[in-house]
Amino acid sequence: MYTIDQLRNQFEEYLENHAFAKEPRELYAPMAYIMGMGGKRLRPLLALMSAQLFGDNAPAALPAAMAVEVFHNFSLVHDDIMDEAPLRRGQPTVHHKYGLNAGILSGDAMLIYAYEFIRQVENQNAVPRLLRIFNQVAIEVCEGQQYDMNFEQRQDVKIDEYLLMIELKTAALIRGSLVMGAITAGAPDADIDRLAAFGRNIGVAFQLQDDILDTFGDPRKVGKKAGGDIAQNKKTFLILKALERARGETRNQLAALMSTTPEDEAGKIREVTEILHRLNIPEWAEEMKARFQDTALEALAAIAVDEERKAPLRELALRLIRRES
């Protein structure tokens, strides 16, 4: 079996060997730029690790791993355009560096290349099924993004709606990466279903940890100032749970704060954070995250392979949902 670091290195080598160093440069340079920014490489790593669950040829899943990473970065390019975001991973976003039209067109090309990489999977009999899974995941990510944008205009978002949104926008691709890796290895359908449940629940827990870190994380570890979601009036689990629990003047104050963009941004973040602490929201968020974590680990435990093979996935999952940055 390969270690997590060995799998990551294999993917980075594959990525380097399939770099978007082509002409016209105006189309491919933005693609190479976003793919070269790094990041956790979580999704391709999950695809390789799930393939390794069911066999000893994890590298055979590299094209599928590349497909999910290209798709993920395509979605970031277009999300940044929709959000008018100037920075991604501390660097200028694609559309800020290369222009809006380049961001749109290069993103479109990345989506097409994701399909091309799926076509190159060694197990050609698996390609039709991989395409069906990939199409389902891609649509769900788009649905999640639309729900996220809808929530910006709504003041009546419920926690169940938010959990559905992050299941689509974030967890779907994590689930899909695991499932696609398993399919390349010829895994049994029952175990693929269990792996899908593991991925879905880990994905939601992963996003809940993001919510927690954005507001309560140590800025020195997270790498950005605390309260970004609050400043942008994002309706995260933390805010929705606080609005659910708050009463009277406290609720009115919180609702007012989360619908304005004052000049004193730091003051707003401070006031909202104080309300969240008074309502014990950090504890509620940790409890919700633990529920999804436990459900995920139960699904992983039920997969019919040796514990030794499952251990790296369990270790990575726990590391992700307990991370401090």
Protein backbone atom coordinates (compact mmCIF):
# COMPACT_ATOMS: atom_id res chain seq x y z
CA MET A 1 0.00 0.00 0.00
CA TYR A 2 1.07 3.53 -0.71
CA THR A 3 1.18 6.13 2.05
CA ILE A 4 -0.86 9.32 1.83
CA ASP A 5 2.28 11.28 1.00
CA GLN A 6 3.24 8.82 -1.73
CA LEU A 7 -0.22 9.10 -3.31
CA ARG A 8 -0.05 12.88 -3.15
CA ASN A 9 3.37 12.84 -4.80
CA GLN A 10 2.09 10.53 -7.53
CA PHE A 11 -0.71 12.94 -8.27
CA GLU A 12 1.59 15.97 -8.33
CA GLU A 13 3.85 14.14 -10.79
CA TYR A 14 0.86 13.25 -12.97
CA LEU A 15 -0.31 16.85 -12.85
CA GLU A 16 3.13 18.08 -13.88
CA ASN A 17 3.21 15.63 -16.77
CA HIS A 18 -0.20 16.84 -17.95
CA ALA A 19 0.32 20.56 -17.45
CA PHE A 20 -1.70 22.94 -19.59
CA ALA A 21 1.36 24.23 -21.45
CA LYS A 22 -0.30 24.69 -24.84
CA GLU A 23 -1.31 27.33 -27.34
CA PRO A 24 -3.08 29.65 -27.48
CA ARG A 25 -1.41 30.81 -24.32
CA GLU A 26 -4.32 33.16 -23.53
CA LEU A 27 -6.56 30.11 -23.06
CA TYR A 28 -4.17 27.74 -21.31
CA ALA A 29 -2.11 30.04 -19.08
CA PRO A 30 -5.08 30.77 -16.77
CA MET A 31 -5.73 27.02 -16.51
CA ALA A 32 -2.11 26.30 -15.61
CA TYR A 33 -2.18 29.19 -13.14
CA ILE A 34 -5.15 27.97 -11.09
CA MET A 35 -3.98 24.33 -11.19
CA GLY A 36 -0.54 25.41 -10.02
CA MET A 37 -1.80 27.26 -6.95
CA GLY A 38 -1.61 24.07 -4.92
CA GLY A 39 -4.19 23.62 -2.20
CA LYS A 40 -4.90 20.48 -0.20
CA ARG A 41 -5.39 18.26 -3.30
CA LEU A 42 -8.05 16.63 -1.15
CA ARG A 43 -10.33 15.36 -3.91
CA PRO A 44 -7.73 13.62 -6.08
CA LEU A 45 -6.15 12.16 -2.96
CA LEU A 46 -9.51 10.72 -1.91
CA ALA A 47 -9.98 9.20 -5.36
CA LEU A 48 -6.59 7.47 -5.14
CA MET A 49 -7.15 6.33 -1.57
CA SER A 50 -10.54 4.84 -2.37
CA ALA A 51 -9.04 2.97 -5.33
CA GLN A 52 -6.40 1.60 -2.96
CA LEU A 53 -9.13 0.33 -0.64
CA PHE A 54 -10.06 -2.29 -3.20
CA GLY A 55 -6.78 -3.19 -4.88
CA ASP A 56 -3.09 -2.53 -5.30
CA ASN A 57 -3.17 -0.39 -8.43
CA ALA A 58 -4.06 3.05 -7.12
CA PRO A 59 -2.14 4.80 -9.95
CA ALA A 60 -4.75 3.42 -12.37
CA ALA A 61 -7.14 5.97 -10.83
CA LEU A 62 -4.87 8.95 -11.63
CA PRO A 63 -6.92 10.11 -14.66
CA ALA A 64 -10.10 10.07 -12.56
CA ALA A 65 -8.26 11.90 -9.78
CA MET A 66 -7.13 14.50 -12.31
CA ALA A 67 -10.68 14.87 -13.60
CA VAL A 68 -12.09 15.74 -10.17
CA GLU A 69 -9.26 18.19 -9.44
CA VAL A 70 -9.66 19.94 -12.79
CA PHE A 71 -13.42 20.16 -12.20
CA HIS A 72 -12.90 21.49 -8.68
CA ASN A 73 -10.58 24.22 -9.92
CA PHE A 74 -12.93 25.05 -12.80
CA SER A 75 -15.67 25.62 -10.23
CA LEU A 76 -13.36 27.89 -8.22
CA VAL A 77 -12.61 30.02 -11.29
CA HIS A 78 -16.30 30.57 -11.99
CA ASP A 79 -17.22 30.96 -8.30
CA ASP A 80 -14.62 33.72 -7.98
CA ILE A 81 -16.15 35.49 -10.96
CA MET A 82 -19.64 35.28 -9.44
CA ASP A 83 -18.36 36.41 -6.04
CA GLU A 84 -16.18 39.15 -7.58
CA ALA A 85 -13.39 37.78 -5.41
CA PRO A 86 -9.96 39.42 -5.83
CA LEU A 87 -7.89 36.70 -4.13
CA ARG A 88 -7.71 32.92 -4.10
CA ARG A 89 -5.19 31.16 -1.82
CA GLY A 90 -3.52 34.53 -1.24
CA GLN A 91 -2.97 35.21 -4.95
CA PRO A 92 -4.98 37.15 -7.55
CA THR A 93 -7.95 35.21 -8.86
CA VAL A 94 -7.88 34.11 -12.50
CA HIS A 95 -10.25 36.80 -13.73
CA HIS A 96 -8.32 39.51 -11.88
CA LYS A 97 -5.02 38.37 -13.33
CA TYR A 98 -6.10 37.49 -16.87
CA GLY A 99 -9.43 39.27 -17.33
CA LEU A 100 -13.08 38.29 -17.09
CA ASN A 101 -13.38 36.78 -20.56
CA ALA A 102 -10.29 34.63 -20.01
CA GLY A 103 -11.72 33.40 -16.73
CA ILE A 104 -14.98 32.36 -18.36
CA LEU A 105 -13.44 30.70 -21.42
CA SER A 106 -10.58 28.97 -19.60
CA GLY A 107 -13.04 27.67 -17.02
CA ASP A 108 -15.22 26.27 -19.80
CA ALA A 109 -12.20 24.50 -21.29
CA MET A 110 -11.29 23.01 -17.91
CA LEU A 111 -14.72 21.43 -17.65
CA ILE A 112 -14.22 19.82 -21.06
CA TYR A 113 -10.78 18.56 -20.05
CA ALA A 114 -12.29 16.91 -16.97
CA TYR A 115 -14.30 14.70 -19.32
CA GLU A 116 -11.20 14.03 -21.41
CA PHE A 117 -9.32 12.73 -18.38
CA ILE A 118 -12.20 10.41 -17.46
CA ARG A 119 -12.01 9.01 -21.01
CA GLN A 120 -8.36 8.07 -20.36
CA VAL A 121 -9.06 5.79 -17.37
CA GLU A 122 -7.27 2.46 -17.75
CA ASN A 123 -10.39 0.40 -17.01
CA GLN A 124 -12.37 1.41 -20.11
CA ASN A 125 -15.37 -0.69 -19.06
CA ALA A 126 -15.78 1.67 -16.12
CA VAL A 127 -15.91 4.86 -18.22
CA PRO A 128 -19.71 4.96 -18.82
CA ARG A 129 -20.40 4.58 -15.11
CA LEU A 130 -17.74 7.14 -14.23
CA LEU A 131 -19.37 9.61 -16.59
CA ARG A 132 -22.79 9.05 -15.03
CA ILE A 133 -21.40 9.66 -11.54
CA PHE A 134 -19.42 12.68 -12.68
CA ASN A 135 -22.45 14.23 -14.39
CA GLN A 136 -24.56 13.74 -11.28
CA VAL A 137 -21.90 15.35 -9.09
CA ALA A 138 -21.37 18.27 -11.49
CA ILE A 139 -25.09 19.06 -11.54
CA GLU A 140 -25.29 18.85 -7.75
CA VAL A 141 -22.38 21.28 -7.37
CA CYS A 142 -24.18 23.74 -9.66
CA GLU A 143 -27.40 23.28 -7.69
CA GLY A 144 -25.54 23.93 -4.45
CA GLN A 145 -23.99 27.10 -5.85
CA GLN A 146 -27.41 28.36 -6.91
CA TYR A 147 -28.86 27.68 -3.45
CA ASP A 148 -25.90 29.54 -1.94
CA MET A 149 -26.60 32.56 -4.14
CA ASN A 150 -30.33 32.36 -3.36
CA PHE A 151 -29.58 32.45 0.36
CA GLU A 152 -27.84 35.81 -0.05
CA GLN A 153 -31.23 37.33 -0.89
CA ARG A 154 -33.26 35.50 1.76
CA GLN A 155 -33.74 36.17 5.46
CA ASP A 156 -35.68 32.97 6.21
CA VAL A 157 -33.09 30.28 5.48
CA LYS A 158 -33.49 27.19 7.65
CA ILE A 159 -30.69 24.98 8.98
CA ASP A 160 -31.93 21.98 6.97
CA GLU A 161 -31.73 24.10 3.81
CA TYR A 162 -28.19 25.14 4.65
CA LEU A 163 -27.12 21.55 5.28
CA LEU A 164 -28.60 20.53 1.93
CA MET A 165 -26.73 23.36 0.23
CA ILE A 166 -23.34 22.32 1.61
CA GLU A 167 -24.11 18.67 0.88
CA LEU A 168 -24.51 19.68 -2.77
CA LYS A 169 -21.87 22.39 -3.10
CA THR A 170 -19.09 20.83 -1.01
CA ALA A 171 -19.84 17.24 -0.04
CA ALA A 172 -21.01 16.06 -3.48
CA LEU A 173 -17.56 16.32 -5.04
CA ILE A 174 -15.90 14.72 -2.01
CA ARG A 175 -18.39 11.85 -2.28
CA GLY A 176 -17.93 11.67 -6.05
CA SER A 177 -14.14 11.55 -5.78
CA LEU A 178 -14.33 8.56 -3.47
CA VAL A 179 -16.92 6.77 -5.59
CA MET A 180 -15.03 7.34 -8.84
CA GLY A 181 -11.82 5.99 -7.35
CA ALA A 182 -13.63 2.90 -6.12
CA ILE A 183 -15.25 2.32 -9.52
CA THR A 184 -11.87 2.34 -11.26
CA ALA A 185 -10.81 -0.46 -8.89
CA GLY A 186 -13.93 -2.55 -9.54
CA ALA A 187 -15.33 -2.25 -6.01
CA PRO A 188 -18.59 -4.06 -5.12
CA ASP A 189 -21.74 -1.93 -5.38
CA ALA A 190 -22.60 -2.34 -1.69
CA ASP A 191 -19.20 -1.00 -0.65
CA ILE A 192 -19.45 1.86 -3.15
CA ASP A 193 -22.73 2.85 -1.50
CA ARG A 194 -21.08 2.77 1.93
CA LEU A 195 -18.17 4.82 0.62
CA ALA A 196 -20.63 7.35 -0.82
CA ALA A 197 -22.26 7.71 2.61
CA PHE A 198 -18.84 8.15 4.17
CA GLY A 199 -17.96 10.88 1.66
CA ARG A 200 -21.25 12.72 1.96
CA ASN A 201 -21.05 12.94 5.76
CA ILE A 202 -17.34 13.76 5.86
CA GLY A 203 -17.98 16.50 3.30
CA VAL A 204 -20.65 18.15 5.44
CA ALA A 205 -18.46 17.88 8.55
CA PHE A 206 -15.57 19.37 6.57
CA GLN A 207 -17.66 22.42 5.66
CA LEU A 208 -18.95 22.83 9.20
CA GLN A 209 -15.34 22.92 10.37
CA ASP A 210 -14.70 25.63 7.78
CA ASP A 211 -17.57 27.63 9.27
CA ILE A 212 -16.17 27.20 12.76
CA LEU A 213 -12.63 28.16 11.76
CA ASP A 214 -13.76 31.23 9.84
CA THR A 215 -15.32 32.73 12.98
CA PHE A 216 -13.54 31.12 15.90
CA GLY A 217 -10.23 29.92 14.45
CA ASP A 218 -6.83 31.35 15.33
CA PRO A 219 -6.01 33.82 12.52
CA ARG A 220 -2.31 32.89 12.82
CA LYS A 221 -3.18 29.28 11.98
CA VAL A 222 -6.09 29.85 9.59
CA GLY A 223 -4.08 32.36 7.57
CA LYS A 224 -6.76 35.04 7.40
CA LYS A 225 -8.58 37.38 9.74
CA ALA A 226 -11.47 35.95 11.71
CA GLY A 227 -15.05 36.77 10.79
CA GLY A 228 -14.96 36.85 7.02
CA ASP A 229 -18.30 35.07 6.76
CA ILE A 230 -19.83 37.52 9.24
CA ALA A 231 -18.50 40.50 7.30
CA GLN A 232 -20.10 39.13 4.11
CA ASN A 233 -23.43 38.39 5.85
CA LYS A 234 -23.13 34.70 5.00
CA LYS A 235 -25.82 32.50 6.52
CA THR A 236 -23.62 29.74 7.87
CA PHE A 237 -24.72 27.09 10.35
CA LEU A 238 -23.38 29.32 13.15
CA ILE A 239 -25.60 32.25 12.24
CA LEU A 240 -28.68 30.17 11.47
CA LYS A 241 -28.39 28.29 14.77
CA ALA A 242 -27.94 31.57 16.62
CA LEU A 243 -31.05 33.05 14.97
CA GLU A 244 -32.95 29.87 15.90
CA ARG A 245 -31.91 30.07 19.56
CA ALA A 246 -31.93 33.82 20.12
CA ARG A 247 -34.94 35.59 21.55
CA GLY A 248 -36.21 39.16 21.84
CA GLU A 249 -33.71 41.97 21.54
CA THR A 250 -30.76 39.63 21.04
CA ARG A 251 -32.39 38.12 17.97
CA ASN A 252 -33.33 41.52 16.60
CA GLN A 253 -29.78 42.76 17.11
CA LEU A 254 -28.25 39.73 15.41
CA ALA A 255 -30.66 39.89 12.46
CA ALA A 256 -29.91 43.59 12.01
CA LEU A 257 -26.15 43.07 12.17
CA MET A 258 -26.30 40.26 9.61
CA SER A 259 -28.21 42.37 7.09
CA THR A 260 -25.93 45.42 7.02
CA THR A 261 -22.45 46.35 5.82
CA PRO A 262 -21.25 49.01 8.24
CA GLU A 263 -18.04 51.00 7.89
CA ASP A 264 -16.91 49.54 11.21
CA GLU A 265 -16.52 45.95 9.97
CA ALA A 266 -14.37 44.93 12.93
CA GLY A 267 -17.01 46.21 15.34
CA LYS A 268 -19.72 44.20 13.60
CA ILE A 269 -17.63 41.01 13.70
CA ARG A 270 -16.91 41.57 17.38
CA GLU A 271 -20.60 42.11 18.26
CA VAL A 272 -21.82 39.08 16.31
CA THR A 273 -19.08 36.86 17.75
CA GLU A 274 -20.02 37.91 21.27
CA ILE A 275 -23.65 36.96 20.61
CA LEU A 276 -22.57 33.58 19.23
CA HIS A 277 -20.55 32.88 22.37
CA ARG A 278 -23.46 33.93 24.64
CA LEU A 279 -25.72 31.46 22.84
CA ASN A 280 -23.13 28.64 23.07
CA ILE A 281 -23.02 28.36 19.29
CA PRO A 282 -19.46 26.93 19.17
CA GLU A 283 -20.66 23.97 21.23
CA TRP A 284 -23.75 23.49 19.04
CA ALA A 285 -21.58 23.56 15.92
CA GLU A 286 -19.14 21.02 17.34
CA GLU A 287 -22.03 18.76 18.28
CA MET A 288 -23.51 18.94 14.76
CA LYS A 289 -20.11 18.28 13.20
CA ALA A 290 -19.62 15.26 15.49
CA ARG A 291 -22.94 13.79 14.31
CA PHE A 292 -21.84 13.83 10.70
CA GLN A 293 -18.38 12.56 11.66
CA ASP A 294 -19.80 9.59 13.55
CA THR A 295 -22.21 8.69 10.73
CA ALA A 296 -19.33 8.84 8.26
CA LEU A 297 -17.08 6.59 10.32
CA GLU A 298 -19.89 4.06 10.79
CA ALA A 299 -20.25 3.84 7.01
CA LEU A 300 -16.50 3.41 6.58
CA ALA A 301 -16.41 0.70 9.25
CA ALA A 302 -19.07 -1.28 7.36
CA ILE A 303 -16.98 -1.52 4.16
CA ALA A 304 -15.92 -5.12 3.67
CA VAL A 305 -12.15 -4.71 3.44
CA ASP A 306 -9.34 -5.14 5.95
CA GLU A 307 -9.07 -2.53 8.67
CA GLU A 308 -5.48 -1.88 7.60
CA ARG A 309 -6.73 -0.60 4.25
CA LYS A 310 -9.39 1.62 5.83
CA ALA A 311 -7.08 3.18 8.42
CA PRO A 312 -5.52 5.84 6.13
CA LEU A 313 -8.95 7.10 5.02
CA ARG A 314 -10.14 7.27 8.62
CA GLU A 315 -6.97 9.12 9.60
CA LEU A 316 -7.32 11.65 6.78
CA ALA A 317 -11.00 12.23 7.48
CA LEU A 318 -10.39 12.94 11.16
CA ARG A 319 -7.48 15.19 10.31
CA LEU A 320 -9.67 17.23 7.96
CA ILE A 321 -12.55 17.75 10.34
CA ARG A 322 -10.30 18.52 13.32
CA ARG A 323 -7.90 20.79 11.44
CA GLU A 324 -7.02 24.23 12.78
CA SER A 325 -6.19 25.82 9.44
